[in-house]
Amino acid sequence: MGRVLIVGAGLTGSLCAALLRREASSPLRLTVWDKAGDSGGRMTTASSPHNPQSTVDLGAQYITCTPHYAKIHQSFYDELLADGILKPLTSPIDGMVIKEGDCNFVAPHGVSSIVNHYLKQSGADICFRQRVTQINLRNNKWEVSRETGSSEQFDIIVLTMPAPQILQLRGDIANLISECQRQQLESVSYSSRYALGLFYEAGTKIDVPWAGRYITSNPCIRFISIDNKKRNIGYKCGSQLTWSNDSSSPAFSCVWRGWIYSVQL
C-alpha cells in the first residue's frame, strides 16, 4: 500500500486528500501534516474558549461561485449544499461588489467546516503541529523530517503550504526544484491581513442593518462581520474584523464586553 503525505490541512490539502481517496486505482495510506494546531489554513474558524458552539470565521468570510466556476465545479457546490456545509448567502453585506451571474454562499457551521468535510471524506491520518523541515530522497522513498518527532518515509509527497515555506525546506528537495520553478515560487506574493474575533454574552445584539461590511474609508480596518447574522443562525455572539498590516498604526488591544481571539492570516 502506497503512502502519501500531504503537507497542509487547508482547503487545497483537504480537497487533494479527498480526491486522491476517490480516484486512486489502488489502496493508499493518506497522511496529512500541518504546522498549525487545527485545520483550516486561510479558512479558519475559531471557537469561544468558554462556549465551543460560539464560533467566528477568521479567514474567508463567504464563498463566491462565478459562472466559470459553476460550469467546471458545479458538482462540488452541489455536494456541499446537499450536505448542509454551504447555504446561499442571504444576509446583506454592505459594499459587496456583485457581478452578473455570481452566487454567494456561507458556511453555517463556520468556513473551516468545508475543510473538515473533505478531510473526513479522505480518511487520512491527520497530525497537527508538524512542521516539515527537510525532505530527502532515500532508496526511492521520500524521507520527511519535522521539528518534533522522528522522520518518516513516503512514496509521494504533495506540498500545499505557501510558496515561501516550500523555499525554506532543506535537503534534496532544494536541489530538485529547477531554477525556473524557483523563480516562479519566488514571484508569488501574499497580502497579509490580521483578524480579530470577539465573543459576546448570549443574547447580545449589535444593532446594524448589515451582517458584514467592507470598509473603504479607514486605512487599517478592511472588513467587519457579525458572524451569526451572516450565517443567519440567530445571535450566538461572534463578530470579526480584519485589517491590513501595511498601516503605520501601532497594534492595539480591545477591551470589549466579550472574549477575544486573534490570529494573523
C-alpha atoms as a PDB file:
ATOM      1  CA  MET A   1       0.000   0.000   0.000  1.00  0.00           C
ATOM      2  CA  GLY A   2       1.480   3.322  -1.073  1.00  0.00           C
ATOM      3  CA  ARG A   3       1.992   6.053   1.492  1.00  0.00           C
ATOM      4  CA  VAL A   4       1.100   9.604   0.523  1.00  0.00           C
ATOM      5  CA  LEU A   5       1.907  12.665   2.629  1.00  0.00           C
ATOM      6  CA  ILE A   6       0.021  15.911   2.077  1.00  0.00           C
ATOM      7  CA  VAL A   7       1.618  18.873   3.811  1.00  0.00           C
ATOM      8  CA  GLY A   8      -1.025  21.444   4.701  1.00  0.00           C
ATOM      9  CA  ALA A   9      -4.529  20.994   6.130  1.00  0.00           C
ATOM     10  CA  GLY A  10      -6.162  23.915   4.367  1.00  0.00           C
ATOM     11  CA  LEU A  11      -8.666  23.781   1.526  1.00  0.00           C
ATOM     12  CA  THR A  12      -6.117  22.657  -1.085  1.00  0.00           C
ATOM     13  CA  GLY A  13      -4.662  19.900   1.091  1.00  0.00           C
ATOM     14  CA  SER A  14      -8.019  18.601   2.316  1.00  0.00           C
ATOM     15  CA  LEU A  15      -9.604  18.535  -1.150  1.00  0.00           C
ATOM     16  CA  CYS A  16      -6.484  16.911  -2.604  1.00  0.00           C
ATOM     17  CA  ALA A  17      -6.726  14.173   0.039  1.00  0.00           C
ATOM     18  CA  ALA A  18     -10.423  13.605  -0.670  1.00  0.00           C
ATOM     19  CA  LEU A  19      -9.877  13.422  -4.443  1.00  0.00           C
ATOM     20  CA  LEU A  20      -6.984  11.008  -4.055  1.00  0.00           C
ATOM     21  CA  ARG A  21      -9.206   8.766  -1.943  1.00  0.00           C
ATOM     22  CA  ARG A  22     -11.975   8.907  -4.554  1.00  0.00           C
ATOM     23  CA  GLU A  23      -9.855   8.485  -7.658  1.00  0.00           C
ATOM     24  CA  ALA A  24      -6.956   6.252  -6.631  1.00  0.00           C
ATOM     25  CA  SER A  25      -6.849   2.992  -8.579  1.00  0.00           C
ATOM     26  CA  SER A  26      -5.039   1.192  -5.754  1.00  0.00           C
ATOM     27  CA  PRO A  27      -5.221   1.391  -1.931  1.00  0.00           C
ATOM     28  CA  LEU A  28      -3.451   4.367  -0.381  1.00  0.00           C
ATOM     29  CA  ARG A  29      -2.498   5.291   3.128  1.00  0.00           C
ATOM     30  CA  LEU A  30      -3.053   9.032   3.266  1.00  0.00           C
ATOM     31  CA  THR A  31      -1.412  11.253   5.866  1.00  0.00           C
ATOM     32  CA  VAL A  32      -1.923  14.995   6.347  1.00  0.00           C
ATOM     33  CA  TRP A  33       0.500  17.120   8.371  1.00  0.00           C
ATOM     34  CA  ASP A  34       0.009  20.761   9.305  1.00  0.00           C
ATOM     35  CA  LYS A  35       2.184  23.083  11.366  1.00  0.00           C
ATOM     36  CA  ALA A  36      -0.853  24.716  12.984  1.00  0.00           C
ATOM     37  CA  GLY A  37      -2.903  23.336  15.863  1.00  0.00           C
ATOM     38  CA  ASP A  38      -6.032  22.811  13.773  1.00  0.00           C
ATOM     39  CA  SER A  39      -7.247  22.527  10.214  1.00  0.00           C
ATOM     40  CA  GLY A  40      -8.405  25.383   8.020  1.00  0.00           C
ATOM     41  CA  GLY A  41      -5.402  27.406   6.907  1.00  0.00           C
ATOM     42  CA  ARG A  42      -6.871  30.573   5.414  1.00  0.00           C
ATOM     43  CA  MET A  43     -10.325  29.154   6.047  1.00  0.00           C
ATOM     44  CA  THR A  44     -10.002  29.149   9.837  1.00  0.00           C
ATOM     45  CA  THR A  45     -12.961  29.168  12.225  1.00  0.00           C
ATOM     46  CA  ALA A  46     -12.237  29.833  15.899  1.00  0.00           C
ATOM     47  CA  SER A  47     -14.386  28.804  18.871  1.00  0.00           C
ATOM     48  CA  SER A  48     -15.007  30.778  22.026  1.00  0.00           C
ATOM     49  CA  PRO A  49     -12.806  29.458  24.871  1.00  0.00           C
ATOM     50  CA  HIS A  50     -15.940  29.244  27.046  1.00  0.00           C
ATOM     51  CA  ASN A  51     -18.511  28.034  24.524  1.00  0.00           C
ATOM     52  CA  PRO A  52     -17.397  25.774  21.639  1.00  0.00           C
ATOM     53  CA  GLN A  53     -20.773  26.359  19.950  1.00  0.00           C
ATOM     54  CA  SER A  54     -19.971  30.056  19.539  1.00  0.00           C
ATOM     55  CA  THR A  55     -17.633  30.434  16.565  1.00  0.00           C
ATOM     56  CA  VAL A  56     -16.208  33.125  14.333  1.00  0.00           C
ATOM     57  CA  ASP A  57     -14.635  32.918  10.878  1.00  0.00           C
ATOM     58  CA  LEU A  58     -11.125  34.356  10.921  1.00  0.00           C
ATOM     59  CA  GLY A  59     -10.334  33.501   7.308  1.00  0.00           C
ATOM     60  CA  ALA A  60     -12.613  33.507   4.270  1.00  0.00           C
ATOM     61  CA  GLN A  61     -15.986  35.051   5.062  1.00  0.00           C
ATOM     62  CA  TYR A  62     -18.125  33.621   2.258  1.00  0.00           C
ATOM     63  CA  ILE A  63     -17.742  31.669  -0.982  1.00  0.00           C
ATOM     64  CA  THR A  64     -18.374  33.235  -4.393  1.00  0.00           C
ATOM     65  CA  CYS A  65     -19.266  30.929  -7.271  1.00  0.00           C
ATOM     66  CA  THR A  66     -18.665  32.652 -10.603  1.00  0.00           C
ATOM     67  CA  PRO A  67     -20.316  31.396 -13.814  1.00  0.00           C
ATOM     68  CA  HIS A  68     -16.945  29.951 -14.864  1.00  0.00           C
ATOM     69  CA  TYR A  69     -16.540  28.018 -11.591  1.00  0.00           C
ATOM     70  CA  ALA A  70     -20.153  26.894 -11.734  1.00  0.00           C
ATOM     71  CA  LYS A  71     -19.502  25.390 -15.151  1.00  0.00           C
ATOM     72  CA  ILE A  72     -16.420  23.380 -14.196  1.00  0.00           C
ATOM     73  CA  HIS A  73     -17.007  22.721 -10.470  1.00  0.00           C
ATOM     74  CA  GLN A  74     -20.786  22.520 -10.096  1.00  0.00           C
ATOM     75  CA  SER A  75     -20.632  19.013  -8.619  1.00  0.00           C
ATOM     76  CA  PHE A  76     -18.586  20.300  -5.671  1.00  0.00           C
ATOM     77  CA  TYR A  77     -21.070  23.063  -4.907  1.00  0.00           C
ATOM     78  CA  ASP A  78     -23.985  20.641  -5.243  1.00  0.00           C
ATOM     79  CA  GLU A  79     -22.350  18.225  -2.809  1.00  0.00           C
ATOM     80  CA  LEU A  80     -21.608  20.892  -0.204  1.00  0.00           C
ATOM     81  CA  LEU A  81     -25.123  22.322  -0.489  1.00  0.00           C
ATOM     82  CA  ALA A  82     -26.741  18.882  -0.212  1.00  0.00           C
ATOM     83  CA  ASP A  83     -24.712  18.082   2.913  1.00  0.00           C
ATOM     84  CA  GLY A  84     -25.544  21.413   4.560  1.00  0.00           C
ATOM     85  CA  ILE A  85     -21.918  22.561   4.510  1.00  0.00           C
ATOM     86  CA  LEU A  86     -22.904  25.562   2.382  1.00  0.00           C
ATOM     87  CA  LYS A  87     -26.120  27.512   2.019  1.00  0.00           C
ATOM     88  CA  PRO A  88     -26.978  30.619   0.000  1.00  0.00           C
ATOM     89  CA  LEU A  89     -25.812  33.894   1.500  1.00  0.00           C
ATOM     90  CA  THR A  90     -28.975  35.917   2.043  1.00  0.00           C
ATOM     91  CA  SER A  91     -27.757  38.364   4.700  1.00  0.00           C
ATOM     92  CA  PRO A  92     -26.738  41.835   3.490  1.00  0.00           C
ATOM     93  CA  ILE A  93     -23.026  42.554   3.011  1.00  0.00           C
ATOM     94  CA  ASP A  94     -22.571  46.300   2.713  1.00  0.00           C
ATOM     95  CA  GLY A  95     -20.103  47.255  -0.013  1.00  0.00           C
ATOM     96  CA  MET A  96     -20.085  43.854  -1.714  1.00  0.00           C
ATOM     97  CA  VAL A  97     -19.381  44.050  -5.450  1.00  0.00           C
ATOM     98  CA  ILE A  98     -21.927  41.821  -7.175  1.00  0.00           C
ATOM     99  CA  LYS A  99     -21.138  40.689 -10.704  1.00  0.00           C
ATOM    100  CA  GLU A 100     -23.667  39.247 -13.102  1.00  0.00           C
ATOM    101  CA  GLY A 101     -24.083  35.510 -12.650  1.00  0.00           C
ATOM    102  CA  ASP A 102     -22.233  35.286  -9.318  1.00  0.00           C
ATOM    103  CA  CYS A 103     -23.707  33.203  -6.495  1.00  0.00           C
ATOM    104  CA  ASN A 104     -22.555  33.672  -2.908  1.00  0.00           C
ATOM    105  CA  PHE A 105     -22.634  31.021  -0.210  1.00  0.00           C
ATOM    106  CA  VAL A 106     -21.968  30.969   3.509  1.00  0.00           C
ATOM    107  CA  ALA A 107     -20.937  28.077   5.770  1.00  0.00           C
ATOM    108  CA  PRO A 108     -23.485  27.816   8.632  1.00  0.00           C
ATOM    109  CA  HIS A 109     -21.043  25.832  10.788  1.00  0.00           C
ATOM    110  CA  GLY A 110     -18.072  28.037  10.002  1.00  0.00           C
ATOM    111  CA  VAL A 111     -15.911  28.177   6.901  1.00  0.00           C
ATOM    112  CA  SER A 112     -13.486  25.588   8.276  1.00  0.00           C
ATOM    113  CA  SER A 113     -16.308  23.033   8.093  1.00  0.00           C
ATOM    114  CA  ILE A 114     -15.630  22.874   4.335  1.00  0.00           C
ATOM    115  CA  VAL A 115     -12.058  21.783   5.019  1.00  0.00           C
ATOM    116  CA  ASN A 116     -13.148  19.320   7.714  1.00  0.00           C
ATOM    117  CA  HIS A 117     -15.742  17.850   5.345  1.00  0.00           C
ATOM    118  CA  TYR A 118     -13.064  16.892   2.834  1.00  0.00           C
ATOM    119  CA  LEU A 119     -10.628  15.690   5.497  1.00  0.00           C
ATOM    120  CA  LYS A 120     -13.298  13.360   6.838  1.00  0.00           C
ATOM    121  CA  GLN A 121     -14.017  12.053   3.345  1.00  0.00           C
ATOM    122  CA  SER A 122     -10.332  11.346   2.787  1.00  0.00           C
ATOM    123  CA  GLY A 123      -9.999   9.084   5.805  1.00  0.00           C
ATOM    124  CA  ALA A 124      -6.450  10.410   6.174  1.00  0.00           C
ATOM    125  CA  ASP A 125      -4.335  10.236   9.303  1.00  0.00           C
ATOM    126  CA  ILE A 126      -4.197  13.891  10.355  1.00  0.00           C
ATOM    127  CA  CYS A 127      -1.424  15.234  12.567  1.00  0.00           C
ATOM    128  CA  PHE A 128      -1.166  18.846  13.721  1.00  0.00           C
ATOM    129  CA  ARG A 129       1.817  20.829  14.984  1.00  0.00           C
ATOM    130  CA  GLN A 130       4.013  19.013  12.483  1.00  0.00           C
ATOM    131  CA  ARG A 131       6.352  21.488  10.803  1.00  0.00           C
ATOM    132  CA  VAL A 132       8.266  19.899   7.919  1.00  0.00           C
ATOM    133  CA  THR A 133      11.900  20.997   7.840  1.00  0.00           C
ATOM    134  CA  GLN A 134      13.689  18.706   5.400  1.00  0.00           C
ATOM    135  CA  ILE A 135      12.884  16.302   2.546  1.00  0.00           C
ATOM    136  CA  ASN A 136      15.421  13.818   1.191  1.00  0.00           C
ATOM    137  CA  LEU A 137      15.289  11.007  -1.361  1.00  0.00           C
ATOM    138  CA  ARG A 138      16.297   7.683   0.219  1.00  0.00           C
ATOM    139  CA  ASN A 139      16.057   4.418  -1.765  1.00  0.00           C
ATOM    140  CA  ASN A 140      13.258   5.748  -3.974  1.00  0.00           C
ATOM    141  CA  LYS A 141      11.329   6.941  -0.906  1.00  0.00           C
ATOM    142  CA  TRP A 142      10.835  10.471   0.356  1.00  0.00           C
ATOM    143  CA  GLU A 143      12.222  10.815   3.869  1.00  0.00           C
ATOM    144  CA  VAL A 144      10.497  13.708   5.596  1.00  0.00           C
ATOM    145  CA  SER A 145      11.941  15.326   8.714  1.00  0.00           C
ATOM    146  CA  ARG A 146       9.988  17.568  11.091  1.00  0.00           C
ATOM    147  CA  GLU A 147      10.754  19.787  14.054  1.00  0.00           C
ATOM    148  CA  THR A 148       9.361  17.278  16.546  1.00  0.00           C
ATOM    149  CA  GLY A 149       9.264  13.520  16.178  1.00  0.00           C
ATOM    150  CA  SER A 150      11.250  11.135  14.039  1.00  0.00           C
ATOM    151  CA  SER A 151      11.438  11.296  10.253  1.00  0.00           C
ATOM    152  CA  GLU A 152       9.099   9.136   8.155  1.00  0.00           C
ATOM    153  CA  GLN A 153       9.199   7.775   4.621  1.00  0.00           C
ATOM    154  CA  PHE A 154       6.535   8.202   1.956  1.00  0.00           C
ATOM    155  CA  ASP A 155       6.078   7.186  -1.662  1.00  0.00           C
ATOM    156  CA  ILE A 156       4.509  10.503  -2.703  1.00  0.00           C
ATOM    157  CA  ILE A 157       4.523  13.994  -1.170  1.00  0.00           C
ATOM    158  CA  VAL A 158       2.135  16.817  -2.030  1.00  0.00           C
ATOM    159  CA  LEU A 159       3.132  20.269  -0.750  1.00  0.00           C
ATOM    160  CA  THR A 160       0.254  22.708  -0.340  1.00  0.00           C
ATOM    161  CA  MET A 161       1.787  25.219   2.056  1.00  0.00           C
ATOM    162  CA  PRO A 162       2.605  28.815   0.996  1.00  0.00           C
ATOM    163  CA  ALA A 163       5.432  29.217  -1.516  1.00  0.00           C
ATOM    164  CA  PRO A 164       7.909  30.863   0.932  1.00  0.00           C
ATOM    165  CA  GLN A 165       7.636  27.825   3.228  1.00  0.00           C
ATOM    166  CA  ILE A 166       8.422  25.483   0.323  1.00  0.00           C
ATOM    167  CA  LEU A 167      11.542  27.522  -0.496  1.00  0.00           C
ATOM    168  CA  GLN A 168      12.721  27.216   3.115  1.00  0.00           C
ATOM    169  CA  LEU A 169      12.784  23.397   3.017  1.00  0.00           C
ATOM    170  CA  ARG A 170      16.217  21.812   3.297  1.00  0.00           C
ATOM    171  CA  GLY A 171      17.564  18.578   1.846  1.00  0.00           C
ATOM    172  CA  ASP A 172      17.316  17.062  -1.607  1.00  0.00           C
ATOM    173  CA  ILE A 173      14.061  18.894  -2.317  1.00  0.00           C
ATOM    174  CA  ALA A 174      16.032  22.148  -2.648  1.00  0.00           C
ATOM    175  CA  ASN A 175      18.117  20.676  -5.482  1.00  0.00           C
ATOM    176  CA  LEU A 176      15.125  19.130  -7.251  1.00  0.00           C
ATOM    177  CA  ILE A 177      13.425  22.492  -7.736  1.00  0.00           C
ATOM    178  CA  SER A 178      14.572  23.844 -11.076  1.00  0.00           C
ATOM    179  CA  GLU A 179      15.735  27.434 -11.453  1.00  0.00           C
ATOM    180  CA  CYS A 180      12.592  28.233 -13.437  1.00  0.00           C
ATOM    181  CA  GLN A 181      10.372  26.728 -10.739  1.00  0.00           C
ATOM    182  CA  ARG A 182      12.280  28.596  -8.043  1.00  0.00           C
ATOM    183  CA  GLN A 183      11.800  31.889  -9.853  1.00  0.00           C
ATOM    184  CA  GLN A 184       8.100  31.171 -10.188  1.00  0.00           C
ATOM    185  CA  LEU A 185       7.796  30.354  -6.482  1.00  0.00           C
ATOM    186  CA  GLU A 186       9.775  33.444  -5.512  1.00  0.00           C
ATOM    187  CA  SER A 187       7.486  35.610  -7.638  1.00  0.00           C
ATOM    188  CA  VAL A 188       4.425  34.618  -5.600  1.00  0.00           C
ATOM    189  CA  SER A 189       3.294  37.446  -3.331  1.00  0.00           C
ATOM    190  CA  TYR A 190       0.834  37.440  -0.444  1.00  0.00           C
ATOM    191  CA  SER A 191      -1.359  40.140   1.033  1.00  0.00           C
ATOM    192  CA  SER A 192      -1.198  39.816   4.806  1.00  0.00           C
ATOM    193  CA  ARG A 193      -4.198  40.512   6.989  1.00  0.00           C
ATOM    194  CA  TYR A 194      -4.795  40.351  10.695  1.00  0.00           C
ATOM    195  CA  ALA A 195      -8.094  39.044  12.045  1.00  0.00           C
ATOM    196  CA  LEU A 196      -9.704  39.681  15.420  1.00  0.00           C
ATOM    197  CA  GLY A 197     -12.628  37.653  16.754  1.00  0.00           C
ATOM    198  CA  LEU A 198     -14.818  38.992  19.574  1.00  0.00           C
ATOM    199  CA  PHE A 199     -17.214  36.790  21.546  1.00  0.00           C
ATOM    200  CA  TYR A 200     -20.136  38.397  23.376  1.00  0.00           C
ATOM    201  CA  GLU A 201     -22.553  37.179  26.005  1.00  0.00           C
ATOM    202  CA  ALA A 202     -25.562  35.222  24.756  1.00  0.00           C
ATOM    203  CA  GLY A 203     -28.404  37.470  23.675  1.00  0.00           C
ATOM    204  CA  THR A 204     -26.197  40.449  22.851  1.00  0.00           C
ATOM    205  CA  LYS A 205     -27.462  42.254  19.746  1.00  0.00           C
ATOM    206  CA  ILE A 206     -25.438  44.581  17.569  1.00  0.00           C
ATOM    207  CA  ASP A 207     -27.945  46.958  16.039  1.00  0.00           C
ATOM    208  CA  VAL A 208     -26.723  47.493  12.485  1.00  0.00           C
ATOM    209  CA  PRO A 209     -28.612  46.798   9.239  1.00  0.00           C
ATOM    210  CA  TRP A 210     -25.873  44.618   7.737  1.00  0.00           C
ATOM    211  CA  ALA A 211     -24.273  41.260   8.515  1.00  0.00           C
ATOM    212  CA  GLY A 212     -20.935  42.254   7.036  1.00  0.00           C
ATOM    213  CA  ARG A 213     -19.420  45.468   5.770  1.00  0.00           C
ATOM    214  CA  TYR A 214     -16.423  46.401   3.636  1.00  0.00           C
ATOM    215  CA  ILE A 215     -14.576  49.449   4.956  1.00  0.00           C
ATOM    216  CA  THR A 216     -13.000  51.777   2.398  1.00  0.00           C
ATOM    217  CA  SER A 217     -12.579  54.949   4.440  1.00  0.00           C
ATOM    218  CA  ASN A 218     -10.237  53.552   7.102  1.00  0.00           C
ATOM    219  CA  PRO A 219      -6.518  52.920   6.448  1.00  0.00           C
ATOM    220  CA  CYS A 220      -6.498  49.982   8.851  1.00  0.00           C
ATOM    221  CA  ILE A 221      -9.815  48.127   9.121  1.00  0.00           C
ATOM    222  CA  ARG A 222     -10.990  46.457   5.893  1.00  0.00           C
ATOM    223  CA  PHE A 223     -13.976  44.300   6.815  1.00  0.00           C
ATOM    224  CA  ILE A 224     -16.375  43.760   9.711  1.00  0.00           C
ATOM    225  CA  SER A 225     -18.679  40.780  10.070  1.00  0.00           C
ATOM    226  CA  ILE A 226     -21.316  39.742  12.592  1.00  0.00           C
ATOM    227  CA  ASP A 227     -20.870  36.048  12.051  1.00  0.00           C
ATOM    228  CA  ASN A 228     -24.101  34.615  13.442  1.00  0.00           C
ATOM    229  CA  LYS A 229     -26.072  37.197  11.485  1.00  0.00           C
ATOM    230  CA  LYS A 230     -24.008  36.496   8.360  1.00  0.00           C
ATOM    231  CA  ARG A 231     -24.836  32.797   8.711  1.00  0.00           C
ATOM    232  CA  ASN A 232     -28.466  33.573   9.577  1.00  0.00           C
ATOM    233  CA  ILE A 233     -28.371  31.433  12.729  1.00  0.00           C
ATOM    234  CA  GLY A 234     -29.532  33.911  15.388  1.00  0.00           C
ATOM    235  CA  TYR A 235     -27.429  35.686  17.952  1.00  0.00           C
ATOM    236  CA  LYS A 236     -24.710  33.438  19.341  1.00  0.00           C
ATOM    237  CA  CYS A 237     -22.293  36.313  19.898  1.00  0.00           C
ATOM    238  CA  GLY A 238     -19.499  36.346  17.394  1.00  0.00           C
ATOM    239  CA  SER A 239     -18.043  39.170  15.365  1.00  0.00           C
ATOM    240  CA  GLN A 240     -14.926  39.538  13.279  1.00  0.00           C
ATOM    241  CA  LEU A 241     -12.730  42.336  11.993  1.00  0.00           C
ATOM    242  CA  THR A 242      -9.832  42.215   9.552  1.00  0.00           C
ATOM    243  CA  TRP A 243      -7.236  44.861   8.995  1.00  0.00           C
ATOM    244  CA  SER A 244      -4.172  45.293   6.846  1.00  0.00           C
ATOM    245  CA  ASN A 245      -0.667  45.145   8.254  1.00  0.00           C
ATOM    246  CA  ASP A 246       0.607  47.808   5.864  1.00  0.00           C
ATOM    247  CA  SER A 247      -0.664  50.613   8.070  1.00  0.00           C
ATOM    248  CA  SER A 248       1.781  52.568  10.213  1.00  0.00           C
ATOM    249  CA  SER A 249      -0.709  52.487  13.066  1.00  0.00           C
ATOM    250  CA  PRO A 250       0.550  50.524  16.099  1.00  0.00           C
ATOM    251  CA  ALA A 251      -1.071  47.273  17.135  1.00  0.00           C
ATOM    252  CA  PHE A 252      -3.865  47.756  19.646  1.00  0.00           C
ATOM    253  CA  SER A 253      -5.810  45.699  22.148  1.00  0.00           C
ATOM    254  CA  CYS A 254      -9.567  45.856  22.584  1.00  0.00           C
ATOM    255  CA  VAL A 255     -11.325  45.636  25.915  1.00  0.00           C
ATOM    256  CA  TRP A 256     -14.891  44.910  24.910  1.00  0.00           C
ATOM    257  CA  ARG A 257     -17.622  43.015  26.708  1.00  0.00           C
ATOM    258  CA  GLY A 258     -16.681  39.579  25.438  1.00  0.00           C
ATOM    259  CA  TRP A 259     -13.837  37.179  24.835  1.00  0.00           C
ATOM    260  CA  ILE A 260     -11.169  37.999  22.272  1.00  0.00           C
ATOM    261  CA  TYR A 261      -9.490  35.636  19.864  1.00  0.00           C
ATOM    262  CA  SER A 262      -6.938  36.940  17.414  1.00  0.00           C
ATOM    263  CA  VAL A 263      -4.804  35.407  14.700  1.00  0.00           C
ATOM    264  CA  GLN A 264      -2.603  36.525  11.829  1.00  0.00           C
ATOM    265  CA  LEU A 265      -3.617  35.019   8.490  1.00  0.00           C
END
